[in-house]
């Protein structure tokens, strides 16, 4: 939602390569937890939903981003900089598990 204007369920499903029903289920959880707001901005099609992070959602995202940055630094940084070979192996490990790839 924050990057690449993925503010619609279909766009999120396409970006992550998962089904729209799976995205919808997760978005409903985030909505119930007050992490997102669903906005219906198209009067001609009320099925079209735009997603907006709430203040709590933005706070959680910032905390996750910080935690990721700390983890990344611990996991891949050496005295000489980023351990690119480890990063490449881990990336390939993740990519190999993407269905249809």
C-alpha atoms as a PDB file:
ATOM      1  CA  UNK A   1       0.000   0.000   0.000  1.00  0.00           C
ATOM      2  CA  UNK A   2       2.830   2.327   0.775  1.00  0.00           C
ATOM      3  CA  UNK A   3       5.007   1.549  -2.225  1.00  0.00           C
ATOM      4  CA  UNK A   4       4.002   1.559  -5.894  1.00  0.00           C
ATOM      5  CA  UNK A   5       0.506   2.855  -5.138  1.00  0.00           C
ATOM      6  CA  UNK A   6      -0.766  -0.619  -4.240  1.00  0.00           C
ATOM      7  CA  UNK A   7      -3.837   0.773  -2.536  1.00  0.00           C
ATOM      8  CA  UNK A   8      -6.375  -1.666  -3.967  1.00  0.00           C
ATOM      9  CA  UNK A   9      -6.840  -5.349  -3.082  1.00  0.00           C
ATOM     10  CA  UNK A  10      -6.335  -6.472  -6.696  1.00  0.00           C
ATOM     11  CA  UNK A  11      -3.108  -4.486  -7.002  1.00  0.00           C
ATOM     12  CA  UNK A  12      -1.807  -6.014  -3.759  1.00  0.00           C
ATOM     13  CA  UNK A  13      -2.691  -9.527  -4.946  1.00  0.00           C
ATOM     14  CA  UNK A  14      -0.851  -8.930  -8.207  1.00  0.00           C
ATOM     15  CA  UNK A  15       2.168  -7.368  -6.466  1.00  0.00           C
ATOM     16  CA  UNK A  16       2.550 -10.321  -4.083  1.00  0.00           C
ATOM     17  CA  UNK A  17       1.488 -12.996  -6.547  1.00  0.00           C
ATOM     18  CA  UNK A  18      -1.280 -14.355  -4.308  1.00  0.00           C
ATOM     19  CA  UNK A  19      -5.000 -14.779  -4.801  1.00  0.00           C
ATOM     20  CA  UNK A  20      -7.485 -11.952  -4.337  1.00  0.00           C
ATOM     21  CA  UNK A  21      -9.463 -13.942  -1.736  1.00  0.00           C
ATOM     22  CA  UNK A  22      -6.282 -14.454   0.331  1.00  0.00           C
ATOM     23  CA  UNK A  23      -5.553 -10.718   0.190  1.00  0.00           C
ATOM     24  CA  UNK A  24      -9.162  -9.935   1.063  1.00  0.00           C
ATOM     25  CA  UNK A  25      -9.054 -12.167   4.143  1.00  0.00           C
ATOM     26  CA  UNK A  26      -5.855 -10.518   5.394  1.00  0.00           C
ATOM     27  CA  UNK A  27      -7.194  -7.032   4.692  1.00  0.00           C
ATOM     28  CA  UNK A  28     -10.336  -7.834   6.686  1.00  0.00           C
ATOM     29  CA  UNK A  29      -8.126  -8.771   9.650  1.00  0.00           C
ATOM     30  CA  UNK A  30      -6.172  -5.518   9.317  1.00  0.00           C
ATOM     31  CA  UNK A  31      -9.452  -3.596   9.075  1.00  0.00           C
ATOM     32  CA  UNK A  32     -10.848  -5.231  12.229  1.00  0.00           C
ATOM     33  CA  UNK A  33      -7.572  -4.455  14.030  1.00  0.00           C
ATOM     34  CA  UNK A  34      -7.870  -0.782  12.997  1.00  0.00           C
ATOM     35  CA  UNK A  35      -4.687  -0.903  10.908  1.00  0.00           C
ATOM     36  CA  UNK A  36      -6.367   0.163   7.644  1.00  0.00           C
ATOM     37  CA  UNK A  37      -9.431   2.023   6.453  1.00  0.00           C
ATOM     38  CA  UNK A  38     -11.332   0.995   3.330  1.00  0.00           C
ATOM     39  CA  UNK A  39     -12.471   3.948   1.233  1.00  0.00           C
ATOM     40  CA  UNK A  40     -15.030   3.787  -1.547  1.00  0.00           C
ATOM     41  CA  UNK A  41     -14.009   6.699  -3.779  1.00  0.00           C
ATOM     42  CA  UNK A  42     -15.679   5.636  -7.013  1.00  0.00           C
ATOM     43  CA  UNK A  43     -19.393   6.531  -6.959  1.00  0.00           C
ATOM     44  CA  UNK A  44     -19.955   4.522 -10.148  1.00  0.00           C
ATOM     45  CA  UNK A  45     -18.555   1.316  -8.605  1.00  0.00           C
ATOM     46  CA  UNK A  46     -18.857   0.872  -4.845  1.00  0.00           C
ATOM     47  CA  UNK A  47     -17.054  -2.463  -5.077  1.00  0.00           C
ATOM     48  CA  UNK A  48     -13.798  -0.631  -5.805  1.00  0.00           C
ATOM     49  CA  UNK A  49     -11.953  -0.096  -2.547  1.00  0.00           C
ATOM     50  CA  UNK A  50      -8.919   2.054  -1.801  1.00  0.00           C
ATOM     51  CA  UNK A  51      -6.908   1.203   1.286  1.00  0.00           C
ATOM     52  CA  UNK A  52      -5.426   3.758   3.652  1.00  0.00           C
ATOM     53  CA  UNK A  53      -3.220   3.102   6.674  1.00  0.00           C
ATOM     54  CA  UNK A  54      -4.560   4.404   9.979  1.00  0.00           C
ATOM     55  CA  UNK A  55      -2.271   6.122  12.478  1.00  0.00           C
ATOM     56  CA  UNK A  56      -1.916   2.776  14.250  1.00  0.00           C
ATOM     57  CA  UNK A  57      -1.153   1.058  10.941  1.00  0.00           C
ATOM     58  CA  UNK A  58       1.507   3.653  10.113  1.00  0.00           C
ATOM     59  CA  UNK A  59       3.024   3.232  13.567  1.00  0.00           C
ATOM     60  CA  UNK A  60       3.140  -0.553  13.166  1.00  0.00           C
ATOM     61  CA  UNK A  61       4.659  -0.219   9.709  1.00  0.00           C
ATOM     62  CA  UNK A  62       7.366   2.106  11.038  1.00  0.00           C
ATOM     63  CA  UNK A  63       8.145  -0.352  13.849  1.00  0.00           C
ATOM     64  CA  UNK A  64       8.340  -3.265  11.383  1.00  0.00           C
ATOM     65  CA  UNK A  65      10.590  -1.241   9.084  1.00  0.00           C
ATOM     66  CA  UNK A  66      12.946  -0.444  11.958  1.00  0.00           C
ATOM     67  CA  UNK A  67      12.982  -4.087  13.072  1.00  0.00           C
ATOM     68  CA  UNK A  68      13.735  -5.180   9.501  1.00  0.00           C
ATOM     69  CA  UNK A  69      16.584  -2.688   9.194  1.00  0.00           C
ATOM     70  CA  UNK A  70      18.078  -3.928  12.470  1.00  0.00           C
ATOM     71  CA  UNK A  71      17.716  -7.565  11.404  1.00  0.00           C
ATOM     72  CA  UNK A  72      19.219  -6.841   7.991  1.00  0.00           C
ATOM     73  CA  UNK A  73      22.204  -5.109   9.578  1.00  0.00           C
ATOM     74  CA  UNK A  74      22.794  -7.997  11.980  1.00  0.00           C
ATOM     75  CA  UNK A  75      22.260 -10.658   9.332  1.00  0.00           C
ATOM     76  CA  UNK A  76      24.116  -9.289   6.315  1.00  0.00           C
ATOM     77  CA  UNK A  77      26.527  -6.571   7.449  1.00  0.00           C
ATOM     78  CA  UNK A  78      30.195  -7.275   8.066  1.00  0.00           C
ATOM     79  CA  UNK A  79      33.109  -4.959   8.814  1.00  0.00           C
ATOM     80  CA  UNK A  80      33.615  -4.744   5.056  1.00  0.00           C
ATOM     81  CA  UNK A  81      29.987  -3.874   4.236  1.00  0.00           C
ATOM     82  CA  UNK A  82      27.117  -6.035   3.040  1.00  0.00           C
ATOM     83  CA  UNK A  83      27.862  -9.752   2.657  1.00  0.00           C
ATOM     84  CA  UNK A  84      26.568  -9.939  -0.913  1.00  0.00           C
ATOM     85  CA  UNK A  85      27.094 -13.677  -1.314  1.00  0.00           C
ATOM     86  CA  UNK A  86      24.956 -14.417   1.754  1.00  0.00           C
ATOM     87  CA  UNK A  87      22.339 -11.923   0.600  1.00  0.00           C
ATOM     88  CA  UNK A  88      22.233 -13.550  -2.836  1.00  0.00           C
ATOM     89  CA  UNK A  89      21.912 -17.062  -1.376  1.00  0.00           C
ATOM     90  CA  UNK A  90      19.086 -15.970   0.932  1.00  0.00           C
ATOM     91  CA  UNK A  91      17.318 -14.128  -1.903  1.00  0.00           C
ATOM     92  CA  UNK A  92      17.562 -17.156  -4.166  1.00  0.00           C
ATOM     93  CA  UNK A  93      16.263 -19.329  -1.326  1.00  0.00           C
ATOM     94  CA  UNK A  94      13.156 -17.140  -1.065  1.00  0.00           C
ATOM     95  CA  UNK A  95      12.682 -16.792  -4.828  1.00  0.00           C
ATOM     96  CA  UNK A  96      12.897 -20.560  -5.329  1.00  0.00           C
ATOM     97  CA  UNK A  97       9.793 -20.950  -3.169  1.00  0.00           C
ATOM     98  CA  UNK A  98       7.585 -18.590  -5.167  1.00  0.00           C
ATOM     99  CA  UNK A  99       4.920 -20.633  -6.951  1.00  0.00           C
ATOM    100  CA  UNK A 100       5.052 -20.505 -10.729  1.00  0.00           C
ATOM    101  CA  UNK A 101       8.535 -19.058 -10.836  1.00  0.00           C
END
